């Protein structure tokens, strides 16, 4: 048996007729040539159709009196060229059609030409040019629409891929973190033996670190979910004072370790009062927690962090005031942007998602959040929410107006 070496493969075969590499090469070559031949044939068919229509119009034009304007029929060739061929060839066809329409005034010269005929011919040329211009513009609009649809489709695919990636990533990160937290709890409870006081402190530090990482992962997932699906709220009647007190309670230990004092105030009054809004209690608690932790982290030792609530007729304002180094003026407009960490003394210690998520939550409640510097030293993070009676009245009006059977 004679051995053959295929030119398209390093594999040696023992077939005298054809080998695997030759067959693959032959098939690919044939497909390429057939495709090229098909597109060439299709392109030439279109071109010959346009040329054929133009020749028929040309014969009609130059075999009749100039008073009979068949040049309008060149519009068919122009429309076909605009739909099938490129802009350069379309421009050539328009120019030739306009030239032939004008040329028929003097050639073949068998009939007398008057001013009305010339005017009609010029109008026909103008019609050809306008038709070419409009068809070219429509073609460009169609191409832009196709491009926009392709971009939208690509963005939808990218959004789905991004959501799946983030969901999978956060799930894969949360699983080992939850396992580590449960293991640390088991050590703290003495499941694996007696734990000394020093070891308890180390385990508590490890637990806090793992909880912080877990919160960061959940924040990342929430941010991307909110960007894609929008924030889903479970609205209920909420007292901002009670919510602020609940948010401050678990943070007093953190404040104590930083030697920072927390205080809740009611603008100029020292008496407790209610600040009613309608919102999602879980999400608004996250807002208080994020802003208070932010204030504690950047406050100086021995300073005071104040949570001040201000009533207004249409909305309530909450201010979290710290005594840190303040915020650079150039950073204020970008402070609530995603992944923004700043480059000053108040550089974010984390992913830069906390304030962005806070803005998402406040805006989903129809509110507004902003930051500013204190006159003396420190920063003020403020947000406002519509008061409950205003929300209730608008909701009642919407329901009332949507019911056609309601009586006035």
Protein backbone atom coordinates (compact mmCIF):
# COMPACT_ATOMS: atom_id res chain seq x y z
CA UNK A 1 0.00 0.00 0.00
CA UNK A 2 1.50 3.31 -1.06
CA UNK A 3 1.64 6.08 1.54
CA UNK A 4 0.44 9.57 0.61
CA UNK A 5 1.00 12.79 2.56
CA UNK A 6 -1.86 15.31 2.34
CA UNK A 7 -0.80 18.86 1.52
CA UNK A 8 -3.31 20.29 4.02
CA UNK A 9 -2.48 17.93 6.89
CA UNK A 10 0.50 16.42 8.65
CA UNK A 11 -1.36 13.12 8.92
CA UNK A 12 -0.16 10.20 6.78
CA UNK A 13 -2.92 8.14 5.17
CA UNK A 14 -2.86 4.91 3.19
CA UNK A 15 -5.63 5.69 0.70
CA UNK A 16 -4.54 5.95 -2.94
CA UNK A 17 -7.45 8.21 -3.94
CA UNK A 18 -8.12 10.88 -1.33
CA UNK A 19 -7.17 11.56 2.26
CA UNK A 20 -8.95 13.30 5.05
CA UNK A 21 -6.98 16.54 4.74
CA UNK A 22 -7.55 16.75 0.99
CA UNK A 23 -11.29 16.18 1.41
CA UNK A 24 -11.62 18.97 3.98
CA UNK A 25 -9.56 21.34 1.85
CA UNK A 26 -11.54 20.47 -1.28
CA UNK A 27 -14.92 20.98 0.49
CA UNK A 28 -13.93 24.36 1.93
CA UNK A 29 -12.60 25.54 -1.42
CA UNK A 30 -15.76 24.47 -3.24
CA UNK A 31 -18.03 26.24 -0.73
CA UNK A 32 -15.98 29.43 -1.05
CA UNK A 33 -16.05 29.38 -4.86
CA UNK A 34 -19.77 28.59 -4.99
CA UNK A 35 -20.57 31.42 -2.56
CA UNK A 36 -18.42 33.85 -4.52
CA UNK A 37 -20.02 32.77 -7.79
CA UNK A 38 -23.53 33.15 -6.32
CA UNK A 39 -22.96 36.66 -5.02
CA UNK A 40 -21.26 37.73 -8.23
CA UNK A 41 -24.15 36.30 -10.26
CA UNK A 42 -26.73 37.97 -8.02
CA UNK A 43 -24.91 41.32 -8.17
CA UNK A 44 -24.58 41.14 -11.96
CA UNK A 45 -28.26 40.18 -12.31
CA UNK A 46 -29.29 43.27 -10.38
CA UNK A 47 -26.94 45.45 -12.40
CA UNK A 48 -28.19 44.08 -15.74
CA UNK A 49 -31.81 44.59 -14.68
CA UNK A 50 -31.11 48.26 -13.93
CA UNK A 51 -29.20 48.64 -17.19
CA UNK A 52 -32.05 46.97 -19.11
CA UNK A 53 -34.68 49.33 -17.65
CA UNK A 54 -32.46 52.31 -18.43
CA UNK A 55 -31.94 51.16 -22.03
CA UNK A 56 -35.71 50.81 -22.56
CA UNK A 57 -36.27 54.32 -21.21
CA UNK A 58 -33.41 55.61 -23.38
CA UNK A 59 -34.98 54.10 -26.53
CA UNK A 60 -38.39 55.59 -25.67
CA UNK A 61 -36.84 59.01 -25.02
CA UNK A 62 -34.79 59.31 -28.18
CA UNK A 63 -37.33 57.74 -30.55
CA UNK A 64 -40.13 60.16 -29.69
CA UNK A 65 -40.66 63.89 -29.65
CA UNK A 66 -38.98 65.85 -26.81
CA UNK A 67 -42.46 66.91 -25.74
CA UNK A 68 -43.05 63.35 -24.50
CA UNK A 69 -40.92 63.09 -21.38
CA UNK A 70 -40.16 59.44 -20.66
CA UNK A 71 -37.21 60.48 -18.47
CA UNK A 72 -39.40 60.16 -15.40
CA UNK A 73 -39.14 56.40 -15.88
CA UNK A 74 -35.46 56.60 -14.90
CA UNK A 75 -36.84 56.83 -11.35
CA UNK A 76 -37.30 53.05 -11.42
CA UNK A 77 -33.61 52.51 -12.15
CA UNK A 78 -32.64 55.01 -9.44
CA UNK A 79 -34.82 53.34 -6.79
CA UNK A 80 -33.48 49.88 -7.64
CA UNK A 81 -29.90 51.13 -7.61
CA UNK A 82 -30.41 52.82 -4.27
CA UNK A 83 -31.84 49.62 -2.79
CA UNK A 84 -29.34 47.15 -4.25
CA UNK A 85 -26.12 48.91 -5.21
CA UNK A 86 -23.69 51.18 -3.40
CA UNK A 87 -23.96 54.95 -3.26
CA UNK A 88 -21.24 55.58 -5.85
CA UNK A 89 -22.98 53.57 -8.58
CA UNK A 90 -26.34 55.10 -7.62
CA UNK A 91 -24.85 58.59 -8.02
CA UNK A 92 -23.50 57.64 -11.47
CA UNK A 93 -26.92 56.36 -12.56
CA UNK A 94 -28.62 59.57 -11.35
CA UNK A 95 -26.08 61.72 -13.21
CA UNK A 96 -26.42 59.72 -16.45
CA UNK A 97 -30.23 59.79 -16.27
CA UNK A 98 -30.27 63.57 -15.71
CA UNK A 99 -27.77 64.11 -18.55
CA UNK A 100 -29.76 61.97 -21.01
CA UNK A 101 -33.01 63.71 -20.07
CA UNK A 102 -31.47 67.11 -20.87
CA UNK A 103 -29.64 65.80 -23.95
CA UNK A 104 -32.94 64.71 -25.52
CA UNK A 105 -33.83 68.38 -25.96
CA UNK A 106 -31.33 68.69 -28.86
CA UNK A 107 -30.76 65.10 -29.94
CA UNK A 108 -31.83 63.71 -32.32
CA UNK A 109 -33.01 67.26 -33.31
CA UNK A 110 -35.91 66.14 -35.50
CA UNK A 111 -38.51 68.23 -33.74
CA UNK A 112 -38.81 71.87 -32.79
CA UNK A 113 -38.14 72.62 -29.15
CA UNK A 114 -39.92 75.39 -27.24
CA UNK A 115 -39.51 76.91 -23.77
CA UNK A 116 -42.25 74.75 -22.25
CA UNK A 117 -40.44 71.58 -23.29
CA UNK A 118 -37.17 72.80 -21.77
CA UNK A 119 -38.95 73.70 -18.54
CA UNK A 120 -40.62 70.30 -18.38
CA UNK A 121 -37.28 68.61 -18.95
CA UNK A 122 -35.67 70.62 -16.14
CA UNK A 123 -38.53 69.67 -13.81
CA UNK A 124 -37.98 66.02 -14.74
CA UNK A 125 -34.26 66.33 -13.95
CA UNK A 126 -35.13 67.92 -10.62
CA UNK A 127 -37.50 65.03 -9.89
CA UNK A 128 -34.74 62.52 -10.64
CA UNK A 129 -32.28 64.30 -8.35
CA UNK A 130 -34.81 64.64 -5.51
CA UNK A 131 -35.77 60.97 -5.88
CA UNK A 132 -32.14 59.96 -5.65
CA UNK A 133 -31.58 62.16 -2.61
CA UNK A 134 -34.66 60.89 -0.77
CA UNK A 135 -33.98 57.25 -1.59
CA UNK A 136 -30.38 57.64 -0.38
CA UNK A 137 -31.58 59.26 2.85
CA UNK A 138 -34.13 56.49 3.40
CA UNK A 139 -31.41 53.95 2.82
CA UNK A 140 -29.17 55.59 5.40
CA UNK A 141 -32.07 55.76 7.86
CA UNK A 142 -32.74 52.06 7.29
CA UNK A 143 -29.07 51.24 7.87
CA UNK A 144 -29.06 53.29 11.08
CA UNK A 145 -32.20 51.52 12.29
CA UNK A 146 -30.58 48.15 11.63
CA UNK A 147 -27.46 49.26 13.50
CA UNK A 148 -29.50 50.53 16.44
CA UNK A 149 -31.48 47.30 16.57
CA UNK A 150 -28.23 45.34 16.52
CA UNK A 151 -26.85 47.49 19.34
CA UNK A 152 -30.03 47.04 21.39
CA UNK A 153 -29.91 43.31 20.82
CA UNK A 154 -26.24 43.23 21.83
CA UNK A 155 -27.03 45.29 24.95
CA UNK A 156 -29.82 42.91 25.90
CA UNK A 157 -27.49 39.95 25.52
CA UNK A 158 -24.79 41.79 27.47
CA UNK A 159 -27.26 42.62 30.25
CA UNK A 160 -28.34 38.99 30.52
CA UNK A 161 -24.74 37.79 30.52
CA UNK A 162 -23.78 40.40 33.10
CA UNK A 163 -26.72 39.52 35.33
CA UNK A 164 -25.97 35.81 35.08
CA UNK A 165 -22.29 36.43 35.75
CA UNK A 166 -22.93 38.62 38.79
CA UNK A 167 -25.54 36.22 40.18
CA UNK A 168 -23.23 33.25 39.75
CA UNK A 169 -20.24 35.13 41.12
CA UNK A 170 -22.05 36.39 44.21
CA UNK A 171 -23.54 32.96 44.83
CA UNK A 172 -20.10 31.36 44.60
CA UNK A 173 -18.69 34.00 46.96
CA UNK A 174 -21.54 33.84 49.48
CA UNK A 175 -21.39 30.06 49.90
CA UNK A 176 -17.84 29.87 51.36
CA UNK A 177 -18.41 33.03 53.41
CA UNK A 178 -21.55 31.59 55.02
CA UNK A 179 -19.68 28.35 55.69
CA UNK A 180 -16.79 30.25 57.29
CA UNK A 181 -19.17 32.30 59.46
CA UNK A 182 -20.93 29.18 60.72
CA UNK A 183 -17.57 27.56 61.46
CA UNK A 184 -16.46 30.61 63.45
CA UNK A 185 -19.72 30.50 65.42
CA UNK A 186 -19.06 26.85 66.23
CA UNK A 187 -15.61 27.76 67.54
CA UNK A 188 -17.10 30.61 69.60
CA UNK A 189 -19.63 28.27 71.18
CA UNK A 190 -16.91 25.82 72.16
CA UNK A 191 -18.00 23.05 69.82
CA UNK A 192 -14.38 22.07 69.12
CA UNK A 193 -13.06 22.66 72.61
CA UNK A 194 -12.53 25.37 75.18
CA UNK A 195 -11.86 28.86 73.80
CA UNK A 196 -9.84 31.40 75.77
CA UNK A 197 -10.75 35.06 76.09
CA UNK A 198 -8.03 36.13 73.66
CA UNK A 199 -9.22 33.56 71.13
CA UNK A 200 -12.80 34.83 71.50
CA UNK A 201 -11.63 38.31 70.55
CA UNK A 202 -9.79 36.97 67.51
CA UNK A 203 -12.84 34.93 66.46
CA UNK A 204 -15.10 37.97 66.90
CA UNK A 205 -12.81 40.00 64.65
CA UNK A 206 -12.83 37.25 62.05
CA UNK A 207 -16.64 37.03 62.23
CA UNK A 208 -17.00 40.79 61.72
CA UNK A 209 -14.63 40.67 58.76
CA UNK A 210 -16.60 37.83 57.13
CA UNK A 211 -19.91 39.62 57.76
CA UNK A 212 -18.49 42.76 56.12
CA UNK A 213 -17.40 40.72 53.09
CA UNK A 214 -20.83 39.11 52.93
CA UNK A 215 -22.54 42.51 53.03
CA UNK A 216 -20.25 43.71 50.23
CA UNK A 217 -21.19 40.73 48.06
CA UNK A 218 -24.89 41.30 48.70
CA UNK A 219 -24.50 45.00 47.91
CA UNK A 220 -22.81 44.15 44.61
CA UNK A 221 -25.66 41.83 43.68
CA UNK A 222 -28.31 44.38 44.70
CA UNK A 223 -26.68 47.17 42.69
CA UNK A 224 -26.60 45.16 39.48
CA UNK A 225 -30.10 43.80 40.02
CA UNK A 226 -31.42 47.33 40.58
CA UNK A 227 -29.70 48.60 37.43
CA UNK A 228 -31.26 45.86 35.33
CA UNK A 229 -34.66 45.23 36.90
CA UNK A 230 -35.25 48.36 38.97
CA UNK A 231 -35.62 48.46 42.73
CA UNK A 232 -38.67 46.55 43.94
CA UNK A 233 -40.17 48.22 47.02
CA UNK A 234 -42.56 46.88 49.66
CA UNK A 235 -44.23 50.07 50.76
CA UNK A 236 -45.64 50.56 54.25
CA UNK A 237 -46.12 53.37 56.73
CA UNK A 238 -42.80 54.17 58.44
CA UNK A 239 -41.73 56.54 61.21
CA UNK A 240 -38.25 57.82 60.33
CA UNK A 241 -37.48 58.47 64.00
CA UNK A 242 -38.11 54.85 64.96
CA UNK A 243 -36.16 53.67 61.92
CA UNK A 244 -33.20 55.90 62.82
CA UNK A 245 -33.17 54.60 66.39
CA UNK A 246 -33.26 51.00 65.17
CA UNK A 247 -30.40 51.67 62.75
CA UNK A 248 -28.29 53.37 65.44
CA UNK A 249 -28.67 50.58 67.99
CA UNK A 250 -26.34 47.95 66.47
CA UNK A 251 -23.84 50.65 65.44
CA UNK A 252 -23.18 51.98 68.94
CA UNK A 253 -20.55 49.31 69.52
CA UNK A 254 -18.73 50.32 66.33
CA UNK A 255 -18.96 53.97 67.35
CA UNK A 256 -17.59 53.12 70.81
CA UNK A 257 -14.55 51.36 69.33
CA UNK A 258 -13.86 54.50 67.27
CA UNK A 259 -14.59 56.75 70.30
CA UNK A 260 -17.36 58.49 68.38
CA UNK A 261 -20.66 59.56 69.93
CA UNK A 262 -24.03 59.14 68.25
CA UNK A 263 -26.98 61.47 68.83
CA UNK A 264 -30.45 61.77 67.34
CA UNK A 265 -31.87 65.29 67.12
CA UNK A 266 -35.06 66.92 65.83
CA UNK A 267 -33.85 70.19 64.32
CA UNK A 268 -34.45 72.95 66.91
CA UNK A 269 -36.65 70.80 69.17
CA UNK A 270 -35.49 68.27 71.76
CA UNK A 271 -38.89 66.56 71.97
CA UNK A 272 -39.50 63.29 70.20
CA UNK A 273 -41.98 63.46 67.35
CA UNK A 274 -43.01 61.29 64.40
CA UNK A 275 -41.82 61.72 60.83
CA UNK A 276 -44.14 59.59 58.72
CA UNK A 277 -43.26 58.44 55.21
CA UNK A 278 -44.35 55.58 53.03
CA UNK A 279 -41.48 53.34 52.02
CA UNK A 280 -39.65 50.05 52.22
CA UNK A 281 -38.46 49.63 55.80
CA UNK A 282 -35.64 47.24 54.88
CA UNK A 283 -34.23 49.49 52.14
CA UNK A 284 -34.51 52.71 54.16
CA UNK A 285 -32.79 51.01 57.11
CA UNK A 286 -29.92 50.25 54.74
CA UNK A 287 -29.75 53.96 53.88
CA UNK A 288 -29.48 54.95 57.54
CA UNK A 289 -26.93 52.21 58.22
CA UNK A 290 -24.73 53.08 55.22
CA UNK A 291 -24.68 56.80 55.99
CA UNK A 292 -24.12 56.40 59.73
CA UNK A 293 -21.27 53.91 59.21
CA UNK A 294 -19.79 56.28 56.64
CA UNK A 295 -19.95 59.14 59.18
CA UNK A 296 -18.40 57.01 61.95
CA UNK A 297 -15.53 55.88 59.73
CA UNK A 298 -14.51 59.43 58.82
CA UNK A 299 -15.12 61.16 62.15
CA UNK A 300 -12.26 62.07 64.43
CA UNK A 301 -11.89 60.35 67.78
CA UNK A 302 -13.93 62.01 70.48
CA UNK A 303 -16.20 63.76 67.96
CA UNK A 304 -19.97 63.62 67.53
CA UNK A 305 -22.08 62.14 64.73
CA UNK A 306 -25.54 63.66 64.63
CA UNK A 307 -28.64 62.30 62.91
CA UNK A 308 -30.90 65.33 62.49
CA UNK A 309 -34.50 65.12 61.24
CA UNK A 310 -36.18 68.22 59.83
CA UNK A 311 -39.93 68.41 59.09
CA UNK A 312 -41.27 70.25 56.05
CA UNK A 313 -44.79 70.57 54.62
CA UNK A 314 -44.14 68.36 51.60
CA UNK A 315 -41.12 66.28 52.61
CA UNK A 316 -38.92 65.29 55.54
CA UNK A 317 -35.16 65.85 55.51
CA UNK A 318 -32.66 63.61 57.28
CA UNK A 319 -29.10 64.84 57.84
CA UNK A 320 -26.13 62.77 59.01
CA UNK A 321 -23.47 65.19 60.22
CA UNK A 322 -19.90 64.16 61.00
CA UNK A 323 -16.76 65.98 62.14
CA UNK A 324 -14.27 64.55 59.67
CA UNK A 325 -12.02 66.25 57.15
CA UNK A 326 -14.80 67.24 54.78
CA UNK A 327 -15.13 66.47 51.07
CA UNK A 328 -13.12 68.02 48.24
CA UNK A 329 -15.32 70.27 46.10
CA UNK A 330 -14.37 68.41 42.90
CA UNK A 331 -15.59 65.11 44.40
CA UNK A 332 -19.08 66.26 45.42
CA UNK A 333 -20.75 65.78 41.98
CA UNK A 334 -19.39 62.20 41.63
CA UNK A 335 -19.76 61.07 45.21
CA UNK A 336 -22.85 58.92 44.55
CA UNK A 337 -21.61 57.40 41.28
CA UNK A 338 -21.01 53.67 40.98
CA UNK A 339 -17.53 52.48 42.02
CA UNK A 340 -16.42 56.03 42.81
CA UNK A 341 -13.89 55.95 45.66
CA UNK A 342 -12.41 59.42 45.56
CA UNK A 343 -8.78 60.37 45.96
CA UNK A 344 -8.84 62.70 48.95
CA UNK A 345 -8.68 62.22 52.71
CA UNK A 346 -12.19 60.70 52.63
CA UNK A 347 -11.33 58.01 50.11
CA UNK A 348 -13.89 55.23 50.27
CA UNK A 349 -12.73 52.15 52.16
CA UNK A 350 -14.45 49.54 50.06
CA UNK A 351 -15.93 49.00 46.63
CA UNK A 352 -17.50 52.43 46.17
CA UNK A 353 -20.98 50.90 45.91
CA UNK A 354 -22.48 51.89 49.27
CA UNK A 355 -23.34 55.48 48.39
CA UNK A 356 -24.46 54.47 44.90
CA UNK A 357 -26.88 51.91 46.37
CA UNK A 358 -28.07 54.54 48.84
CA UNK A 359 -28.86 56.90 45.97
CA UNK A 360 -30.74 54.13 44.15
CA UNK A 361 -32.93 53.50 47.20
CA UNK A 362 -33.71 57.17 47.86
CA UNK A 363 -34.53 57.90 44.22
CA UNK A 364 -36.77 54.81 44.05
CA UNK A 365 -38.77 56.37 46.92
CA UNK A 366 -39.19 59.61 44.98
CA UNK A 367 -36.59 61.39 47.11
CA UNK A 368 -33.25 63.08 46.63
CA UNK A 369 -29.84 62.67 48.27
CA UNK A 370 -26.87 65.03 48.33
CA UNK A 371 -23.70 65.86 50.26
CA UNK A 372 -22.11 69.12 51.36
CA UNK A 373 -19.38 70.40 53.64
CA UNK A 374 -19.99 71.93 57.04
CA UNK A 375 -19.07 75.54 57.62
CA UNK A 376 -16.60 74.52 60.33
CA UNK A 377 -15.29 71.00 59.76
CA UNK A 378 -16.84 67.80 58.53
CA UNK A 379 -19.49 66.77 56.02
CA UNK A 380 -23.27 66.55 55.87
CA UNK A 381 -25.04 63.78 53.98
CA UNK A 382 -28.71 64.63 53.53
CA UNK A 383 -31.71 63.03 51.91
CA UNK A 384 -35.35 63.93 51.70
CA UNK A 385 -38.49 61.83 51.29
CA UNK A 386 -42.09 62.86 50.55
CA UNK A 387 -44.26 63.01 53.66
CA UNK A 388 -46.90 60.32 53.97
CA UNK A 389 -50.03 62.54 53.71
CA UNK A 390 -48.78 63.90 50.35
CA UNK A 391 -48.14 60.40 49.05
CA UNK A 392 -51.50 59.23 50.39
CA UNK A 393 -53.40 62.09 48.73
CA UNK A 394 -51.72 61.47 45.36
CA UNK A 395 -52.38 57.75 45.62
CA UNK A 396 -56.03 58.39 46.47
CA UNK A 397 -56.43 60.77 43.52
CA UNK A 398 -54.90 58.24 41.13
CA UNK A 399 -57.23 55.49 42.33
CA UNK A 400 -60.22 57.85 42.27
CA UNK A 401 -59.49 59.13 38.76
CA UNK A 402 -58.90 55.61 37.43
CA UNK A 403 -62.41 54.52 38.52
CA UNK A 404 -64.96 55.78 35.96
CA UNK A 405 -67.89 54.79 38.18
CA UNK A 406 -66.78 56.90 41.15
CA UNK A 407 -69.05 59.80 42.04
CA UNK A 408 -67.78 63.30 42.61
